[in-house]
Amino acid sequence: MVQAIINLGEYEDRVLTVLKGKYGLKNKSDAVNFLIGKYSDDFLEPELRPEYVLKVRDKERNGKFSKYKTLKELKNEIKNA
């Protein structure tokens, strides 16, 4: 287990206290762990679903993607689309 010393403002301390009471947590450390568990998926890059990867690879094989040597080529194609 890793221990950390953190500095909280008065507002942040109140938020942890409310979370602790609302969810019946034992201490503020549990409240911090609860928040990390709840919101970590939003901040970490999710893994692509296997069916999506297969779909993209299929499009790559069938030539549905275009390759550009310069950014100017891409901009011209977007203008003319």
N, C-alpha and C. Protein backbone atom coordinates (compact mmCIF):
# COMPACT_ATOMS: atom_id res chain seq x y z
N MET A 1 0.84 -1.16 0.00
CA MET A 1 0.00 0.00 0.00
C MET A 1 0.90 1.24 0.00
N VAL A 2 0.54 2.18 -0.84
CA VAL A 2 1.27 3.44 -0.94
C VAL A 2 0.58 4.46 -0.06
N GLN A 3 1.37 5.24 0.67
CA GLN A 3 0.80 6.31 1.48
C GLN A 3 1.22 7.63 0.89
N ALA A 4 0.32 8.61 0.96
CA ALA A 4 0.62 9.93 0.42
C ALA A 4 0.08 10.98 1.39
N ILE A 5 0.81 12.04 1.48
CA ILE A 5 0.35 13.19 2.26
C ILE A 5 -0.14 14.21 1.25
N ILE A 6 -1.41 14.61 1.38
CA ILE A 6 -1.97 15.58 0.45
C ILE A 6 -2.50 16.78 1.22
N ASN A 7 -2.45 17.92 0.59
CA ASN A 7 -2.97 19.14 1.18
C ASN A 7 -4.32 19.44 0.55
N LEU A 8 -5.34 19.53 1.38
CA LEU A 8 -6.69 19.82 0.90
C LEU A 8 -7.14 21.17 1.41
N GLY A 9 -7.88 21.84 0.57
CA GLY A 9 -8.51 23.07 1.01
C GLY A 9 -9.74 22.73 1.84
N GLU A 10 -10.35 23.77 2.41
CA GLU A 10 -11.52 23.55 3.26
C GLU A 10 -12.67 22.94 2.45
N TYR A 11 -12.87 23.41 1.22
CA TYR A 11 -13.95 22.91 0.38
C TYR A 11 -13.74 21.43 0.04
N GLU A 12 -12.53 21.08 -0.38
CA GLU A 12 -12.22 19.70 -0.74
C GLU A 12 -12.41 18.77 0.45
N ASP A 13 -12.02 19.24 1.64
CA ASP A 13 -12.19 18.45 2.85
C ASP A 13 -13.67 18.20 3.13
N ARG A 14 -14.49 19.23 2.91
CA ARG A 14 -15.94 19.07 3.10
C ARG A 14 -16.53 18.08 2.11
N VAL A 15 -16.06 18.15 0.86
CA VAL A 15 -16.56 17.22 -0.16
C VAL A 15 -16.24 15.78 0.25
N LEU A 16 -15.02 15.53 0.69
CA LEU A 16 -14.66 14.18 1.12
C LEU A 16 -15.49 13.72 2.32
N THR A 17 -15.76 14.64 3.23
CA THR A 17 -16.57 14.31 4.40
C THR A 17 -17.99 13.95 3.99
N VAL A 18 -18.55 14.69 3.04
CA VAL A 18 -19.91 14.39 2.55
C VAL A 18 -19.93 13.04 1.85
N LEU A 19 -18.94 12.77 0.99
CA LEU A 19 -18.86 11.48 0.31
C LEU A 19 -18.74 10.34 1.31
N LYS A 20 -17.92 10.56 2.30
CA LYS A 20 -17.71 9.55 3.34
C LYS A 20 -19.03 9.21 4.02
N GLY A 21 -19.80 10.23 4.36
CA GLY A 21 -21.09 10.00 5.01
C GLY A 21 -22.13 9.43 4.08
N LYS A 22 -22.18 9.93 2.85
CA LYS A 22 -23.21 9.50 1.90
C LYS A 22 -23.07 8.03 1.53
N TYR A 23 -21.84 7.58 1.35
CA TYR A 23 -21.61 6.21 0.92
C TYR A 23 -21.17 5.28 2.05
N GLY A 24 -21.19 5.77 3.27
CA GLY A 24 -20.86 4.93 4.43
C GLY A 24 -19.42 4.46 4.44
N LEU A 25 -18.51 5.31 4.04
CA LEU A 25 -17.10 4.95 4.00
C LEU A 25 -16.48 5.16 5.38
N LYS A 26 -15.42 4.40 5.66
CA LYS A 26 -14.82 4.45 7.00
C LYS A 26 -14.00 5.70 7.25
N ASN A 27 -13.27 6.15 6.21
CA ASN A 27 -12.40 7.32 6.40
C ASN A 27 -12.25 8.07 5.07
N LYS A 28 -11.52 9.16 5.12
CA LYS A 28 -11.34 9.99 3.92
C LYS A 28 -10.47 9.31 2.88
N SER A 29 -9.60 8.43 3.33
CA SER A 29 -8.80 7.66 2.38
C SER A 29 -9.71 6.80 1.51
N ASP A 30 -10.72 6.19 2.12
CA ASP A 30 -11.70 5.40 1.36
C ASP A 30 -12.48 6.30 0.39
N ALA A 31 -12.76 7.52 0.82
CA ALA A 31 -13.47 8.46 -0.05
C ALA A 31 -12.63 8.83 -1.27
N VAL A 32 -11.34 9.05 -1.07
CA VAL A 32 -10.44 9.35 -2.19
C VAL A 32 -10.36 8.14 -3.12
N ASN A 33 -10.23 6.95 -2.58
CA ASN A 33 -10.19 5.74 -3.40
C ASN A 33 -11.49 5.54 -4.17
N PHE A 34 -12.61 5.88 -3.55
CA PHE A 34 -13.91 5.79 -4.21
C PHE A 34 -13.94 6.73 -5.43
N LEU A 35 -13.50 7.96 -5.23
CA LEU A 35 -13.48 8.92 -6.35
C LEU A 35 -12.55 8.45 -7.47
N ILE A 36 -11.40 7.95 -7.12
CA ILE A 36 -10.46 7.46 -8.14
C ILE A 36 -11.09 6.31 -8.92
N GLY A 37 -11.72 5.39 -8.23
CA GLY A 37 -12.35 4.27 -8.90
C GLY A 37 -13.50 4.70 -9.81
N LYS A 38 -14.25 5.68 -9.36
CA LYS A 38 -15.42 6.13 -10.12
C LYS A 38 -15.03 6.89 -11.38
N TYR A 39 -13.98 7.70 -11.31
CA TYR A 39 -13.66 8.58 -12.42
C TYR A 39 -12.41 8.21 -13.20
N SER A 40 -11.72 7.15 -12.81
CA SER A 40 -10.49 6.80 -13.51
C SER A 40 -10.74 6.41 -14.96
N ASP A 41 -11.86 5.75 -15.24
CA ASP A 41 -12.15 5.35 -16.62
C ASP A 41 -12.36 6.55 -17.53
N ASP A 42 -12.85 7.65 -16.98
CA ASP A 42 -13.06 8.86 -17.80
C ASP A 42 -11.75 9.50 -18.22
N PHE A 43 -10.72 9.34 -17.41
CA PHE A 43 -9.45 10.01 -17.69
C PHE A 43 -8.43 9.12 -18.37
N LEU A 44 -8.54 7.82 -18.18
CA LEU A 44 -7.60 6.90 -18.81
C LEU A 44 -8.12 6.52 -20.18
N GLU A 45 -7.22 6.27 -21.09
CA GLU A 45 -7.62 5.94 -22.45
C GLU A 45 -8.25 4.54 -22.47
N PRO A 46 -9.48 4.46 -22.94
CA PRO A 46 -10.12 3.15 -22.98
C PRO A 46 -9.55 2.27 -24.10
N GLU A 47 -9.66 0.99 -23.92
CA GLU A 47 -9.19 0.04 -24.93
C GLU A 47 -10.25 -0.05 -26.03
N LEU A 48 -9.80 -0.18 -27.26
CA LEU A 48 -10.74 -0.30 -28.38
C LEU A 48 -11.40 -1.66 -28.36
N ARG A 49 -12.68 -1.68 -28.72
CA ARG A 49 -13.40 -2.94 -28.79
C ARG A 49 -12.85 -3.76 -29.96
N PRO A 50 -12.74 -5.07 -29.80
CA PRO A 50 -12.17 -5.92 -30.86
C PRO A 50 -12.92 -5.81 -32.19
N GLU A 51 -14.26 -5.67 -32.12
CA GLU A 51 -15.01 -5.58 -33.37
C GLU A 51 -14.72 -4.28 -34.12
N TYR A 52 -14.42 -3.22 -33.38
CA TYR A 52 -14.05 -1.95 -34.03
C TYR A 52 -12.68 -2.08 -34.71
N VAL A 53 -11.75 -2.73 -34.04
CA VAL A 53 -10.42 -2.94 -34.61
C VAL A 53 -10.53 -3.74 -35.90
N LEU A 54 -11.35 -4.79 -35.90
CA LEU A 54 -11.54 -5.59 -37.11
C LEU A 54 -12.16 -4.77 -38.23
N LYS A 55 -13.09 -3.91 -37.89
CA LYS A 55 -13.74 -3.06 -38.89
C LYS A 55 -12.73 -2.11 -39.54
N VAL A 56 -11.87 -1.50 -38.73
CA VAL A 56 -10.86 -0.58 -39.26
C VAL A 56 -9.85 -1.33 -40.12
N ARG A 57 -9.42 -2.49 -39.66
CA ARG A 57 -8.46 -3.28 -40.45
C ARG A 57 -9.06 -3.71 -41.79
N ASP A 58 -10.35 -4.04 -41.79
CA ASP A 58 -11.03 -4.40 -43.02
C ASP A 58 -11.05 -3.22 -44.00
N LYS A 59 -11.31 -2.03 -43.48
CA LYS A 59 -11.31 -0.85 -44.34
C LYS A 59 -9.92 -0.55 -44.88
N GLU A 60 -8.90 -0.80 -44.07
CA GLU A 60 -7.53 -0.60 -44.53
C GLU A 60 -7.21 -1.54 -45.70
N ARG A 61 -7.64 -2.79 -45.59
CA ARG A 61 -7.37 -3.77 -46.64
C ARG A 61 -8.14 -3.47 -47.92
N ASN A 62 -9.34 -2.96 -47.80
CA ASN A 62 -10.19 -2.72 -48.96
C ASN A 62 -9.98 -1.34 -49.59
N GLY A 63 -9.04 -0.59 -49.11
CA GLY A 63 -8.71 0.69 -49.73
C GLY A 63 -9.68 1.81 -49.44
N LYS A 64 -10.37 1.78 -48.32
CA LYS A 64 -11.31 2.85 -47.99
C LYS A 64 -10.62 4.07 -47.38
N PHE A 65 -9.34 3.94 -47.05
CA PHE A 65 -8.58 5.04 -46.49
C PHE A 65 -7.70 5.65 -47.57
N SER A 66 -7.50 6.95 -47.50
CA SER A 66 -6.62 7.63 -48.45
C SER A 66 -5.34 8.03 -47.74
N LYS A 67 -4.24 8.00 -48.48
CA LYS A 67 -2.96 8.41 -47.91
C LYS A 67 -2.57 9.73 -48.55
N TYR A 68 -2.01 10.62 -47.74
CA TYR A 68 -1.60 11.94 -48.19
C TYR A 68 -0.13 12.14 -47.88
N LYS A 69 0.57 12.72 -48.83
CA LYS A 69 1.99 13.00 -48.61
C LYS A 69 2.18 14.30 -47.86
N THR A 70 1.26 15.23 -48.05
CA THR A 70 1.36 16.52 -47.37
C THR A 70 0.00 16.91 -46.81
N LEU A 71 0.03 17.83 -45.90
CA LEU A 71 -1.19 18.35 -45.31
C LEU A 71 -1.98 19.14 -46.36
N LYS A 72 -1.27 19.75 -47.28
CA LYS A 72 -1.92 20.53 -48.33
C LYS A 72 -2.82 19.64 -49.20
N GLU A 73 -2.37 18.42 -49.51
CA GLU A 73 -3.18 17.48 -50.28
C GLU A 73 -4.49 17.17 -49.56
N LEU A 74 -4.40 16.94 -48.25
CA LEU A 74 -5.59 16.65 -47.46
C LEU A 74 -6.54 17.84 -47.47
N LYS A 75 -6.01 19.05 -47.27
CA LYS A 75 -6.85 20.25 -47.26
C LYS A 75 -7.54 20.44 -48.61
N ASN A 76 -6.82 20.17 -49.72
CA ASN A 76 -7.43 20.29 -51.04
C ASN A 76 -8.58 19.30 -51.22
N GLU A 77 -8.40 18.08 -50.74
CA GLU A 77 -9.47 17.10 -50.88
C GLU A 77 -10.68 17.48 -50.04
N ILE A 78 -10.44 18.03 -48.86
CA ILE A 78 -11.55 18.46 -48.01
C ILE A 78 -12.31 19.61 -48.67
N LYS A 79 -11.60 20.56 -49.27
CA LYS A 79 -12.24 21.68 -49.97
C LYS A 79 -13.10 21.19 -51.13
N ASN A 80 -12.61 20.18 -51.84
CA ASN A 80 -13.30 19.71 -53.04
C ASN A 80 -14.34 18.62 -52.76
N ALA A 81 -14.51 18.28 -51.53
CA ALA A 81 -15.46 17.21 -51.18
C ALA A 81 -16.89 17.67 -51.29
